[in-house]
């Protein structure tokens, strides 16, 4: 991964941001800069900004899918889906407020199903799923 970053930066990377200061002036340490909220080398920051934009779009896509599903559900299931959307929004804030460019490059460069996995691994989601299963079992037994 580091080799890919170095190769990209070696090929020109991105133009130096206006708020960029020389490494000797940076309070972050040698070679590190902060462009906005991300911390890393200028090339890493530029790369991470592109990745961050795609990550934000992925969170939007999942939120829209959940909202569309909620619109077609019965009341209890809709409330569950709204709770899942709230979990999603918390996860979005958790991810999007990270300030290390390397985090986005390392963890989000290749979008797979990270957003879904974050939700599925959340204990609140697991509780919602267990309650849904119990409701479904009760309905099946009462029929």
N, C-alpha and C. Protein backbone atom coordinates (compact mmCIF):
# COMPACT_ATOMS: atom_id res chain seq x y z
N UNK A 1 0.83 -1.19 0.00
CA UNK A 1 0.00 0.00 0.00
C UNK A 1 0.87 1.25 0.00
N UNK A 2 1.87 1.27 0.88
CA UNK A 2 2.76 2.42 0.98
C UNK A 2 3.48 2.65 -0.34
N UNK A 3 3.84 1.55 -1.02
CA UNK A 3 4.51 1.67 -2.32
C UNK A 3 3.60 2.34 -3.34
N UNK A 4 2.31 2.01 -3.29
CA UNK A 4 1.37 2.62 -4.23
C UNK A 4 1.27 4.12 -3.98
N UNK A 5 1.26 4.51 -2.72
CA UNK A 5 1.21 5.94 -2.38
C UNK A 5 2.46 6.64 -2.88
N UNK A 6 3.62 6.03 -2.60
CA UNK A 6 4.88 6.63 -3.03
C UNK A 6 4.93 6.74 -4.55
N UNK A 7 4.46 5.72 -5.26
CA UNK A 7 4.47 5.75 -6.72
C UNK A 7 3.56 6.87 -7.21
N UNK A 8 2.40 6.99 -6.61
CA UNK A 8 1.45 8.03 -7.03
C UNK A 8 2.04 9.41 -6.78
N UNK A 9 2.64 9.59 -5.60
CA UNK A 9 3.25 10.88 -5.29
C UNK A 9 4.44 11.14 -6.20
N UNK A 10 5.19 10.08 -6.53
CA UNK A 10 6.34 10.22 -7.40
C UNK A 10 5.95 10.61 -8.83
N UNK A 11 4.73 10.29 -9.21
CA UNK A 11 4.24 10.65 -10.53
C UNK A 11 3.66 12.05 -10.56
N UNK A 12 3.79 12.75 -9.49
CA UNK A 12 3.31 14.13 -9.47
C UNK A 12 2.27 14.38 -8.40
N UNK A 13 1.60 13.31 -7.94
CA UNK A 13 0.61 13.48 -6.88
C UNK A 13 -0.41 14.53 -7.24
N UNK A 14 -0.54 15.48 -6.38
CA UNK A 14 -1.50 16.55 -6.62
C UNK A 14 -0.81 17.88 -6.40
N UNK A 15 -1.40 18.93 -6.89
CA UNK A 15 -0.80 20.24 -6.63
C UNK A 15 -0.81 20.54 -5.14
N UNK A 16 0.13 21.30 -4.71
CA UNK A 16 0.26 21.69 -3.31
C UNK A 16 -0.90 22.58 -2.90
N UNK A 17 -1.68 22.19 -1.87
CA UNK A 17 -2.80 23.03 -1.44
C UNK A 17 -2.31 24.38 -0.95
N UNK A 18 -3.15 25.40 -1.10
CA UNK A 18 -2.76 26.74 -0.70
C UNK A 18 -2.46 26.86 0.79
N UNK A 19 -3.19 26.12 1.62
CA UNK A 19 -2.98 26.23 3.06
C UNK A 19 -1.80 25.40 3.55
N UNK A 20 -1.10 24.76 2.65
CA UNK A 20 0.03 23.90 2.92
C UNK A 20 1.21 24.74 3.37
N UNK A 21 1.91 24.30 4.38
CA UNK A 21 3.13 24.97 4.85
C UNK A 21 4.28 24.01 4.68
N UNK A 22 5.46 24.52 4.72
CA UNK A 22 6.61 23.62 4.60
C UNK A 22 6.65 22.69 5.80
N UNK A 23 7.30 21.55 5.61
CA UNK A 23 7.36 20.54 6.66
C UNK A 23 8.03 21.08 7.91
N UNK A 24 8.95 22.01 7.76
CA UNK A 24 9.63 22.55 8.94
C UNK A 24 8.71 23.43 9.76
N UNK A 25 7.67 23.96 9.14
CA UNK A 25 6.71 24.80 9.85
C UNK A 25 5.52 24.01 10.39
N UNK A 26 5.39 22.76 9.97
CA UNK A 26 4.21 21.99 10.33
C UNK A 26 4.25 21.53 11.77
N UNK A 27 3.21 21.84 12.56
CA UNK A 27 3.14 21.35 13.93
C UNK A 27 2.86 19.86 13.99
N UNK A 28 2.54 19.25 12.83
CA UNK A 28 2.21 17.83 12.78
C UNK A 28 3.44 16.96 12.69
N UNK A 29 4.55 17.54 12.33
CA UNK A 29 5.79 16.78 12.20
C UNK A 29 6.33 16.86 10.80
N UNK A 30 7.54 16.37 10.60
CA UNK A 30 8.19 16.46 9.29
C UNK A 30 7.39 15.76 8.20
N UNK A 31 7.15 16.48 7.12
CA UNK A 31 6.49 15.90 5.96
C UNK A 31 4.99 15.78 6.06
N UNK A 32 4.41 16.11 7.20
CA UNK A 32 2.97 16.00 7.36
C UNK A 32 2.33 17.37 7.29
N UNK A 33 1.17 17.41 6.66
CA UNK A 33 0.43 18.66 6.53
C UNK A 33 -1.03 18.38 6.82
N UNK A 34 -1.76 19.44 7.02
CA UNK A 34 -3.19 19.32 7.20
C UNK A 34 -3.86 20.21 6.16
N UNK A 35 -4.59 19.63 5.26
CA UNK A 35 -5.37 20.38 4.29
C UNK A 35 -6.82 20.20 4.70
N UNK A 36 -7.36 21.19 5.34
CA UNK A 36 -8.71 21.03 5.88
C UNK A 36 -8.63 20.17 7.12
N UNK A 37 -9.29 19.03 7.09
CA UNK A 37 -9.33 18.18 8.27
C UNK A 37 -8.43 16.96 8.17
N UNK A 38 -7.92 16.64 6.97
CA UNK A 38 -7.11 15.45 6.82
C UNK A 38 -5.63 15.74 7.07
N UNK A 39 -4.97 14.79 7.70
CA UNK A 39 -3.55 14.92 8.01
C UNK A 39 -2.79 13.86 7.23
N UNK A 40 -1.73 14.26 6.56
CA UNK A 40 -0.88 13.35 5.82
C UNK A 40 0.00 14.15 4.89
N UNK A 41 0.70 13.45 4.01
CA UNK A 41 1.50 14.16 3.01
C UNK A 41 0.53 14.80 2.03
N UNK A 42 0.97 15.77 1.25
CA UNK A 42 0.06 16.39 0.29
C UNK A 42 -0.57 15.37 -0.66
N UNK A 43 0.22 14.41 -1.12
CA UNK A 43 -0.32 13.39 -2.01
C UNK A 43 -1.34 12.51 -1.32
N UNK A 44 -1.07 12.13 -0.07
CA UNK A 44 -2.01 11.31 0.69
C UNK A 44 -3.31 12.05 0.91
N UNK A 45 -3.21 13.33 1.26
CA UNK A 45 -4.41 14.12 1.53
C UNK A 45 -5.27 14.21 0.27
N UNK A 46 -4.64 14.48 -0.88
CA UNK A 46 -5.40 14.58 -2.13
C UNK A 46 -6.07 13.25 -2.46
N UNK A 47 -5.34 12.17 -2.30
CA UNK A 47 -5.87 10.83 -2.58
C UNK A 47 -7.02 10.52 -1.62
N UNK A 48 -6.80 10.80 -0.34
CA UNK A 48 -7.82 10.51 0.67
C UNK A 48 -9.08 11.34 0.45
N UNK A 49 -8.94 12.56 -0.02
CA UNK A 49 -10.12 13.39 -0.29
C UNK A 49 -10.99 12.75 -1.37
N UNK A 50 -10.36 12.19 -2.39
CA UNK A 50 -11.11 11.51 -3.44
C UNK A 50 -11.83 10.28 -2.88
N UNK A 51 -11.12 9.52 -2.07
CA UNK A 51 -11.70 8.33 -1.46
C UNK A 51 -12.84 8.72 -0.53
N UNK A 52 -12.62 9.76 0.26
CA UNK A 52 -13.63 10.22 1.22
C UNK A 52 -14.92 10.61 0.51
N UNK A 53 -14.79 11.21 -0.65
CA UNK A 53 -15.97 11.58 -1.44
C UNK A 53 -16.76 10.33 -1.85
N UNK A 54 -16.05 9.28 -2.27
CA UNK A 54 -16.72 8.03 -2.65
C UNK A 54 -17.36 7.36 -1.43
N UNK A 55 -16.70 7.44 -0.29
CA UNK A 55 -17.24 6.85 0.94
C UNK A 55 -18.53 7.56 1.32
N UNK A 56 -18.53 8.88 1.24
CA UNK A 56 -19.73 9.65 1.55
C UNK A 56 -20.88 9.25 0.62
N UNK A 57 -20.57 9.08 -0.65
CA UNK A 57 -21.60 8.66 -1.61
C UNK A 57 -22.13 7.27 -1.28
N UNK A 58 -21.26 6.39 -0.79
CA UNK A 58 -21.70 5.05 -0.41
C UNK A 58 -22.64 5.10 0.80
N UNK A 59 -22.32 5.93 1.78
CA UNK A 59 -23.22 6.09 2.92
C UNK A 59 -24.57 6.64 2.43
N UNK A 60 -24.55 7.60 1.51
CA UNK A 60 -25.79 8.15 0.94
C UNK A 60 -26.60 7.06 0.25
N UNK A 61 -25.92 6.22 -0.54
CA UNK A 61 -26.60 5.16 -1.27
C UNK A 61 -27.30 4.19 -0.33
N UNK A 62 -26.60 3.78 0.73
CA UNK A 62 -27.18 2.83 1.70
C UNK A 62 -28.35 3.49 2.43
N UNK A 63 -28.20 4.76 2.80
CA UNK A 63 -29.28 5.47 3.49
C UNK A 63 -30.53 5.55 2.61
N UNK A 64 -30.34 5.87 1.33
CA UNK A 64 -31.49 5.95 0.42
C UNK A 64 -32.17 4.60 0.26
N UNK A 65 -31.39 3.54 0.18
CA UNK A 65 -31.97 2.20 0.05
C UNK A 65 -32.78 1.85 1.29
N UNK A 66 -32.25 2.16 2.45
CA UNK A 66 -32.98 1.88 3.70
C UNK A 66 -34.24 2.73 3.80
N UNK A 67 -34.15 4.00 3.40
CA UNK A 67 -35.34 4.87 3.44
C UNK A 67 -36.41 4.38 2.47
N UNK A 68 -36.00 3.91 1.31
CA UNK A 68 -36.97 3.36 0.35
C UNK A 68 -37.64 2.11 0.92
N UNK A 69 -36.86 1.27 1.56
CA UNK A 69 -37.42 0.06 2.17
C UNK A 69 -38.39 0.42 3.29
N UNK A 70 -38.01 1.41 4.10
CA UNK A 70 -38.87 1.82 5.23
C UNK A 70 -40.23 2.30 4.75
N UNK A 71 -40.26 2.94 3.59
CA UNK A 71 -41.52 3.45 3.05
C UNK A 71 -42.50 2.36 2.67
N UNK A 72 -42.03 1.14 2.54
CA UNK A 72 -42.89 0.02 2.11
C UNK A 72 -43.19 -0.95 3.25
N UNK A 73 -42.74 -0.63 4.46
CA UNK A 73 -42.86 -1.57 5.57
C UNK A 73 -44.02 -1.24 6.50
N UNK A 74 -44.43 -2.28 7.23
CA UNK A 74 -45.42 -2.09 8.29
C UNK A 74 -44.77 -1.28 9.41
N UNK A 75 -45.59 -0.78 10.31
CA UNK A 75 -45.12 0.18 11.33
C UNK A 75 -43.91 -0.31 12.14
N UNK A 76 -43.97 -1.50 12.72
CA UNK A 76 -42.86 -1.96 13.57
C UNK A 76 -41.57 -2.14 12.77
N UNK A 77 -41.70 -2.74 11.60
CA UNK A 77 -40.51 -2.91 10.75
C UNK A 77 -39.95 -1.56 10.31
N UNK A 78 -40.83 -0.61 10.03
CA UNK A 78 -40.40 0.73 9.64
C UNK A 78 -39.64 1.40 10.79
N UNK A 79 -40.14 1.22 12.01
CA UNK A 79 -39.43 1.78 13.17
C UNK A 79 -38.05 1.14 13.32
N UNK A 80 -37.97 -0.16 13.10
CA UNK A 80 -36.68 -0.86 13.15
C UNK A 80 -35.73 -0.31 12.09
N UNK A 81 -36.25 -0.12 10.88
CA UNK A 81 -35.41 0.40 9.80
C UNK A 81 -34.96 1.82 10.10
N UNK A 82 -35.83 2.61 10.70
CA UNK A 82 -35.43 3.97 11.10
C UNK A 82 -34.31 3.92 12.15
N UNK A 83 -34.38 2.96 13.04
CA UNK A 83 -33.31 2.78 14.03
C UNK A 83 -32.01 2.37 13.35
N UNK A 84 -32.10 1.55 12.33
CA UNK A 84 -30.91 1.14 11.58
C UNK A 84 -30.33 2.34 10.83
N UNK A 85 -31.19 3.19 10.30
CA UNK A 85 -30.72 4.41 9.64
C UNK A 85 -29.99 5.31 10.63
N UNK A 86 -30.49 5.37 11.86
CA UNK A 86 -29.81 6.17 12.89
C UNK A 86 -28.42 5.58 13.19
N UNK A 87 -28.32 4.26 13.22
CA UNK A 87 -27.02 3.61 13.42
C UNK A 87 -26.10 3.98 12.25
N UNK A 88 -26.63 3.90 11.04
CA UNK A 88 -25.87 4.25 9.84
C UNK A 88 -25.32 5.67 9.94
N UNK A 89 -26.14 6.60 10.37
CA UNK A 89 -25.71 8.00 10.46
C UNK A 89 -24.63 8.18 11.53
N UNK A 90 -24.72 7.43 12.62
CA UNK A 90 -23.65 7.48 13.62
C UNK A 90 -22.35 6.94 13.05
N UNK A 91 -22.45 5.86 12.29
CA UNK A 91 -21.26 5.28 11.66
C UNK A 91 -20.67 6.25 10.64
N UNK A 92 -21.53 6.95 9.90
CA UNK A 92 -21.06 7.95 8.94
C UNK A 92 -20.24 9.02 9.65
N UNK A 93 -20.75 9.53 10.75
CA UNK A 93 -20.02 10.56 11.50
C UNK A 93 -18.70 10.01 12.01
N UNK A 94 -18.73 8.80 12.52
CA UNK A 94 -17.52 8.15 13.04
C UNK A 94 -16.44 8.06 11.95
N UNK A 95 -16.83 7.68 10.75
CA UNK A 95 -15.88 7.52 9.65
C UNK A 95 -15.44 8.87 9.10
N UNK A 96 -16.40 9.73 8.81
CA UNK A 96 -16.10 10.96 8.09
C UNK A 96 -15.36 11.99 8.94
N UNK A 97 -15.34 11.82 10.26
CA UNK A 97 -14.59 12.75 11.10
C UNK A 97 -13.16 12.30 11.37
N UNK A 98 -12.78 11.16 10.82
CA UNK A 98 -11.38 10.72 10.96
C UNK A 98 -10.50 11.75 10.26
N UNK A 99 -9.34 12.04 10.87
CA UNK A 99 -8.49 13.07 10.28
C UNK A 99 -7.20 12.54 9.66
N UNK A 100 -7.00 11.25 9.67
CA UNK A 100 -5.80 10.66 9.09
C UNK A 100 -6.06 10.24 7.65
N UNK A 101 -5.34 10.83 6.72
CA UNK A 101 -5.49 10.46 5.30
C UNK A 101 -5.24 8.98 5.11
N UNK A 102 -4.27 8.43 5.83
CA UNK A 102 -3.94 7.02 5.71
C UNK A 102 -5.10 6.10 6.06
N UNK A 103 -5.96 6.53 6.96
CA UNK A 103 -7.14 5.72 7.32
C UNK A 103 -8.01 5.49 6.09
N UNK A 104 -8.28 6.54 5.34
CA UNK A 104 -9.13 6.40 4.16
C UNK A 104 -8.41 5.60 3.07
N UNK A 105 -7.12 5.84 2.91
CA UNK A 105 -6.36 5.12 1.89
C UNK A 105 -6.29 3.63 2.23
N UNK A 106 -6.04 3.32 3.48
CA UNK A 106 -5.88 1.93 3.90
C UNK A 106 -7.21 1.20 3.99
N UNK A 107 -8.20 1.81 4.63
CA UNK A 107 -9.45 1.10 4.95
C UNK A 107 -10.57 1.28 3.93
N UNK A 108 -10.51 2.32 3.12
CA UNK A 108 -11.65 2.63 2.26
C UNK A 108 -11.29 2.76 0.78
N UNK A 109 -10.05 2.55 0.43
CA UNK A 109 -9.66 2.72 -0.97
C UNK A 109 -10.50 1.85 -1.89
N UNK A 110 -10.70 0.61 -1.51
CA UNK A 110 -11.52 -0.31 -2.29
C UNK A 110 -12.86 -0.47 -1.57
N UNK A 111 -13.89 0.15 -2.11
CA UNK A 111 -15.20 0.03 -1.48
C UNK A 111 -15.76 -1.36 -1.74
N UNK A 112 -16.02 -2.05 -0.68
CA UNK A 112 -16.66 -3.35 -0.77
C UNK A 112 -17.98 -3.21 -0.03
N UNK A 113 -18.13 -3.93 1.03
CA UNK A 113 -19.37 -3.82 1.80
C UNK A 113 -19.08 -3.32 3.21
N UNK A 114 -18.09 -2.40 3.32
CA UNK A 114 -17.70 -1.92 4.64
C UNK A 114 -18.85 -1.26 5.40
N UNK A 115 -19.67 -0.49 4.70
CA UNK A 115 -20.77 0.21 5.37
C UNK A 115 -21.74 -0.82 5.95
N UNK A 116 -22.11 -1.79 5.14
CA UNK A 116 -23.03 -2.83 5.63
C UNK A 116 -22.41 -3.58 6.80
N UNK A 117 -21.13 -3.92 6.69
CA UNK A 117 -20.46 -4.65 7.76
C UNK A 117 -20.43 -3.84 9.06
N UNK A 118 -20.21 -2.54 8.95
CA UNK A 118 -20.20 -1.69 10.14
C UNK A 118 -21.55 -1.76 10.86
N UNK A 119 -22.61 -1.75 10.09
CA UNK A 119 -23.96 -1.80 10.67
C UNK A 119 -24.22 -3.18 11.27
N UNK A 120 -23.93 -4.22 10.51
CA UNK A 120 -24.21 -5.60 10.95
C UNK A 120 -23.45 -5.94 12.23
N UNK A 121 -22.26 -5.40 12.39
CA UNK A 121 -21.45 -5.69 13.58
C UNK A 121 -21.85 -4.87 14.80
N UNK A 122 -22.70 -3.88 14.62
CA UNK A 122 -23.14 -3.04 15.73
C UNK A 122 -24.11 -3.84 16.61
N UNK A 123 -23.91 -3.79 17.91
CA UNK A 123 -24.74 -4.56 18.84
C UNK A 123 -26.21 -4.13 18.79
N UNK A 124 -26.47 -2.87 18.51
CA UNK A 124 -27.86 -2.40 18.42
C UNK A 124 -28.57 -3.03 17.22
N UNK A 125 -27.86 -3.17 16.12
CA UNK A 125 -28.43 -3.83 14.95
C UNK A 125 -28.73 -5.29 15.27
N UNK A 126 -27.80 -5.94 15.93
CA UNK A 126 -28.00 -7.35 16.30
C UNK A 126 -29.21 -7.51 17.21
N UNK A 127 -29.42 -6.56 18.11
CA UNK A 127 -30.60 -6.58 18.97
C UNK A 127 -31.88 -6.42 18.15
N UNK A 128 -31.86 -5.49 17.21
CA UNK A 128 -33.03 -5.28 16.34
C UNK A 128 -33.34 -6.56 15.57
N UNK A 129 -32.32 -7.21 15.03
CA UNK A 129 -32.52 -8.43 14.26
C UNK A 129 -33.08 -9.55 15.16
N UNK A 130 -32.58 -9.65 16.37
CA UNK A 130 -33.07 -10.68 17.30
C UNK A 130 -34.53 -10.42 17.66
N UNK A 131 -34.88 -9.16 17.86
CA UNK A 131 -36.28 -8.82 18.18
C UNK A 131 -37.19 -9.12 16.99
N UNK A 132 -36.72 -8.83 15.78
CA UNK A 132 -37.50 -9.14 14.57
C UNK A 132 -37.73 -10.65 14.46
N UNK A 133 -36.68 -11.41 14.69
CA UNK A 133 -36.80 -12.88 14.61
C UNK A 133 -37.79 -13.39 15.64
N UNK A 134 -37.75 -12.83 16.84
CA UNK A 134 -38.69 -13.24 17.90
C UNK A 134 -40.12 -12.88 17.51
N UNK A 135 -40.31 -11.67 16.95
CA UNK A 135 -41.66 -11.28 16.50
C UNK A 135 -42.17 -12.21 15.41
N UNK A 136 -41.29 -12.51 14.46
CA UNK A 136 -41.69 -13.41 13.36
C UNK A 136 -42.03 -14.79 13.90
N UNK A 137 -41.26 -15.29 14.86
CA UNK A 137 -41.54 -16.60 15.45
C UNK A 137 -42.87 -16.58 16.19
N UNK A 138 -43.16 -15.49 16.91
CA UNK A 138 -44.43 -15.37 17.62
C UNK A 138 -45.61 -15.35 16.65
N UNK A 139 -45.43 -14.64 15.55
CA UNK A 139 -46.50 -14.59 14.54
C UNK A 139 -46.73 -15.97 13.92
N UNK A 140 -45.64 -16.68 13.66
CA UNK A 140 -45.76 -18.02 13.06
C UNK A 140 -46.43 -18.99 14.03
N UNK A 141 -46.12 -18.87 15.32
CA UNK A 141 -46.70 -19.76 16.32
C UNK A 141 -48.16 -19.44 16.58
N UNK A 142 -48.55 -18.18 16.42
CA UNK A 142 -49.94 -17.81 16.71
C UNK A 142 -50.85 -18.08 15.51
N UNK A 143 -50.30 -18.38 14.38
CA UNK A 143 -51.12 -18.64 13.17
C UNK A 143 -51.64 -20.03 13.13
